Amino acid sequence: MVSPQTPAPDSPRSSQSPVPEGHQGNLELELLGLANALYNLGTTVINDSTKERDKPGGGKQVGLRVNSVVQHLSTIDSMAIGTRTMIPMQILTDIDNARNPMQLTRERLERTATENQFMNGKIAAIASYRDYLNEALCQNFPELEDILRPAGSPVQVSPSETVSEPNETVPEPNDVEVVSR
């Protein structure tokens, strides 16, 4: 059983936090009342024995509990007119199919994080390819260097390659310089 000091594990907020003010707070209190009425109805149905069908006071105990649940549902329905919060149909369908909304949220967040990592990998691969392509274009077409490599961007070179400036000639080791006199 959950103690009053610790919130329920699936609670969106602490059980000790104050109820929001206004329409949302009233609706939340009514929903808590409905949950309590449903719990009371369930325990009454379980404890109801066939020997005690009629209770003094005008009706069967289960009938009184059902009336309480119907009253809470009626109040919530009348409060829904003033509520502007939209709930996706998928969430309502999942709740109807007895799936925990917190588990669904966790699954969707995990799937989104996985897709995000995959997309970041694609972006990094494309950026790496672009840098490689730009470097190869700059080496083979030096006149495009100003377009492909804006001023201030570093020259990226792999350790086995050397980059020379377009106007600079690099002598080969076997070249002999001829000097005319």
Protein backbone atom coordinates (compact mmCIF):
# COMPACT_ATOMS: atom_id res chain seq x y z
CA MET A 1 0.00 0.00 0.00
CA VAL A 2 1.24 3.47 -0.83
CA SER A 3 1.86 5.72 2.16
CA PRO A 4 0.42 9.26 2.15
CA GLN A 5 3.92 10.78 2.02
CA THR A 6 5.03 9.07 -1.20
CA PRO A 7 3.14 9.68 -4.45
CA ALA A 8 1.85 6.79 -6.51
CA PRO A 9 4.47 5.63 -9.04
CA ASP A 10 2.21 6.47 -11.98
CA SER A 11 1.06 9.81 -10.56
CA PRO A 12 1.98 12.84 -12.69
CA ARG A 13 2.49 14.93 -9.57
CA SER A 14 3.00 14.49 -5.86
CA SER A 15 -0.10 13.52 -3.90
CA GLN A 16 0.74 16.27 -1.42
CA SER A 17 0.82 19.05 -4.00
CA PRO A 18 -2.15 21.40 -4.05
CA VAL A 19 -4.92 20.99 -6.59
CA PRO A 20 -4.71 23.53 -9.43
CA GLU A 21 -7.08 26.46 -9.19
CA GLY A 22 -10.05 27.01 -11.42
CA HIS A 23 -11.79 24.65 -13.81
CA GLN A 24 -8.89 22.19 -14.03
CA GLY A 25 -8.73 21.84 -10.24
CA ASN A 26 -12.47 21.26 -9.98
CA LEU A 27 -12.30 18.65 -12.72
CA GLU A 28 -9.37 16.93 -11.01
CA LEU A 29 -11.25 16.78 -7.72
CA GLU A 30 -14.29 15.35 -9.48
CA LEU A 31 -12.13 12.70 -11.17
CA LEU A 32 -10.63 11.77 -7.78
CA GLY A 33 -14.18 11.51 -6.42
CA LEU A 34 -15.12 9.23 -9.34
CA ALA A 35 -12.09 7.01 -8.71
CA ASN A 36 -13.07 6.76 -5.04
CA ALA A 37 -16.70 6.00 -5.94
CA LEU A 38 -15.61 3.26 -8.35
CA TYR A 39 -13.36 1.76 -5.67
CA ASN A 40 -16.23 1.83 -3.17
CA LEU A 41 -18.54 0.21 -5.73
CA GLY A 42 -16.01 -2.57 -6.34
CA THR A 43 -15.53 -3.32 -2.66
CA THR A 44 -19.28 -3.23 -2.07
CA VAL A 45 -19.92 -5.70 -4.89
CA ILE A 46 -17.29 -8.05 -3.49
CA ASN A 47 -18.60 -7.78 0.06
CA ASP A 48 -22.27 -7.91 -0.87
CA SER A 49 -23.78 -11.19 0.16
CA THR A 50 -27.04 -12.61 -1.11
CA LYS A 51 -28.43 -12.70 2.44
CA GLU A 52 -28.43 -8.93 2.76
CA ARG A 53 -30.24 -7.89 -0.40
CA ASP A 54 -32.25 -5.07 1.11
CA LYS A 55 -30.78 -2.55 3.47
CA PRO A 56 -32.81 -0.24 5.60
CA GLY A 57 -32.72 3.24 4.20
CA GLY A 58 -34.32 2.85 0.84
CA GLY A 59 -32.29 0.48 -1.29
CA LYS A 60 -29.62 -2.00 -1.86
CA GLN A 61 -26.07 -0.86 -1.01
CA VAL A 62 -24.75 -1.66 -4.51
CA GLY A 63 -27.50 0.46 -6.04
CA LEU A 64 -26.49 3.42 -3.89
CA ARG A 65 -22.86 3.02 -4.96
CA VAL A 66 -23.89 2.81 -8.63
CA ASN A 67 -25.94 6.00 -8.21
CA SER A 68 -22.88 7.71 -6.73
CA VAL A 69 -20.75 6.66 -9.74
CA VAL A 70 -23.43 7.85 -12.16
CA GLN A 71 -23.65 11.18 -10.33
CA HIS A 72 -19.86 11.69 -10.63
CA LEU A 73 -19.97 10.77 -14.33
CA SER A 74 -22.83 13.21 -14.90
CA THR A 75 -20.90 15.99 -13.17
CA ILE A 76 -17.77 15.27 -15.21
CA ASP A 77 -19.82 15.27 -18.41
CA SER A 78 -21.31 18.67 -17.57
CA MET A 79 -17.82 20.02 -16.73
CA ALA A 80 -16.49 18.78 -20.08
CA ILE A 81 -18.35 21.52 -21.91
CA GLY A 82 -16.02 24.17 -20.48
CA THR A 83 -12.83 22.14 -20.96
CA ARG A 84 -10.63 23.08 -23.90
CA THR A 85 -7.95 20.39 -23.40
CA MET A 86 -7.77 17.98 -26.32
CA ILE A 87 -6.81 14.35 -25.72
CA PRO A 88 -5.62 12.30 -28.71
CA MET A 89 -7.95 9.44 -29.62
CA GLN A 90 -4.99 7.03 -29.63
CA ILE A 91 -4.50 7.61 -25.89
CA LEU A 92 -8.18 6.99 -25.16
CA THR A 93 -8.12 3.83 -27.29
CA ASP A 94 -5.03 2.58 -25.47
CA ILE A 95 -6.68 3.21 -22.10
CA ASP A 96 -9.79 1.35 -23.27
CA ASN A 97 -7.52 -1.54 -24.25
CA ALA A 98 -6.07 -1.58 -20.70
CA ARG A 99 -2.65 -0.18 -21.68
CA ASN A 100 -0.89 2.09 -19.20
CA PRO A 101 -0.50 5.65 -20.59
CA MET A 102 2.80 6.09 -18.73
CA GLN A 103 4.20 2.96 -20.44
CA LEU A 104 3.01 4.25 -23.81
CA THR A 105 4.69 7.59 -23.18
CA ARG A 106 7.93 5.86 -22.21
CA GLU A 107 7.80 3.68 -25.36
CA ARG A 108 7.18 6.69 -27.60
CA LEU A 109 10.01 8.66 -25.99
CA GLU A 110 12.42 5.75 -26.42
CA ARG A 111 11.38 5.28 -30.05
CA THR A 112 11.80 9.02 -30.69
CA ALA A 113 15.26 9.01 -29.08
CA THR A 114 16.31 6.04 -31.22
CA GLU A 115 15.05 7.70 -34.40
CA ASN A 116 16.81 10.92 -33.37
CA GLN A 117 20.14 9.10 -32.92
CA PHE A 118 19.70 7.39 -36.29
CA MET A 119 18.98 10.73 -37.98
CA ASN A 120 21.98 12.37 -36.26
CA GLY A 121 24.14 9.55 -37.65
CA LYS A 122 22.81 10.23 -41.14
CA ILE A 123 23.49 13.95 -40.77
CA ALA A 124 27.05 13.29 -39.58
CA ALA A 125 27.67 10.87 -42.48
CA ILE A 126 26.41 13.40 -45.03
CA ALA A 127 28.51 16.18 -43.47
CA SER A 128 31.60 13.96 -43.55
CA TYR A 129 30.92 13.05 -47.20
CA ARG A 130 30.43 16.74 -48.07
CA ASP A 131 33.74 17.65 -46.44
CA TYR A 132 35.54 14.84 -48.28
CA LEU A 133 33.96 15.85 -51.58
CA ASN A 134 34.80 19.53 -51.08
CA GLU A 135 38.40 18.65 -50.26
CA ALA A 136 38.74 16.48 -53.36
CA LEU A 137 37.18 19.21 -55.53
CA CYS A 138 39.55 21.81 -54.06
CA GLN A 139 42.56 19.61 -54.84
CA ASN A 140 41.50 18.93 -58.42
CA PHE A 141 39.92 22.30 -59.18
CA PRO A 142 41.83 24.96 -57.23
CA GLU A 143 39.77 27.77 -58.75
CA LEU A 144 36.72 26.50 -56.81
CA GLU A 145 38.45 26.71 -53.44
CA ASP A 146 37.03 30.16 -52.63
CA ILE A 147 33.51 28.85 -53.24
CA LEU A 148 33.88 25.49 -51.58
CA ARG A 149 35.97 26.58 -48.61
CA PRO A 150 34.85 29.94 -47.22
CA ALA A 151 37.45 32.22 -45.66
CA GLY A 152 38.41 31.16 -42.17
CA SER A 153 37.38 27.53 -42.50
CA PRO A 154 40.23 25.14 -41.76
CA VAL A 155 41.71 22.85 -44.36
CA GLN A 156 40.96 19.26 -43.42
CA VAL A 157 43.66 16.89 -44.55
CA SER A 158 44.14 13.24 -43.79
CA PRO A 159 47.61 12.34 -42.46
CA SER A 160 48.75 10.70 -45.72
CA GLU A 161 47.83 13.68 -47.92
CA THR A 162 49.49 17.03 -48.39
CA VAL A 163 47.70 20.08 -49.67
CA SER A 164 49.50 22.72 -51.62
CA GLU A 165 48.30 26.17 -52.42
CA PRO A 166 47.06 26.61 -56.01
CA ASN A 167 49.83 29.03 -57.11
CA GLU A 168 52.61 27.22 -55.31
CA THR A 169 54.59 24.57 -57.11
CA VAL A 170 56.09 21.75 -55.17
CA PRO A 171 59.21 20.32 -56.74
CA GLU A 172 59.34 16.58 -57.14
CA PRO A 173 62.39 14.93 -55.59
CA ASN A 174 63.73 13.73 -58.96
CA ASP A 175 63.29 17.07 -60.74
CA VAL A 176 66.47 18.87 -61.66
CA GLU A 177 66.44 22.59 -61.79
CA VAL A 178 67.98 23.92 -64.94
CA VAL A 179 69.68 27.24 -64.69
CA SER A 180 70.49 29.05 -67.87
CA ARG A 181 73.40 31.43 -67.98
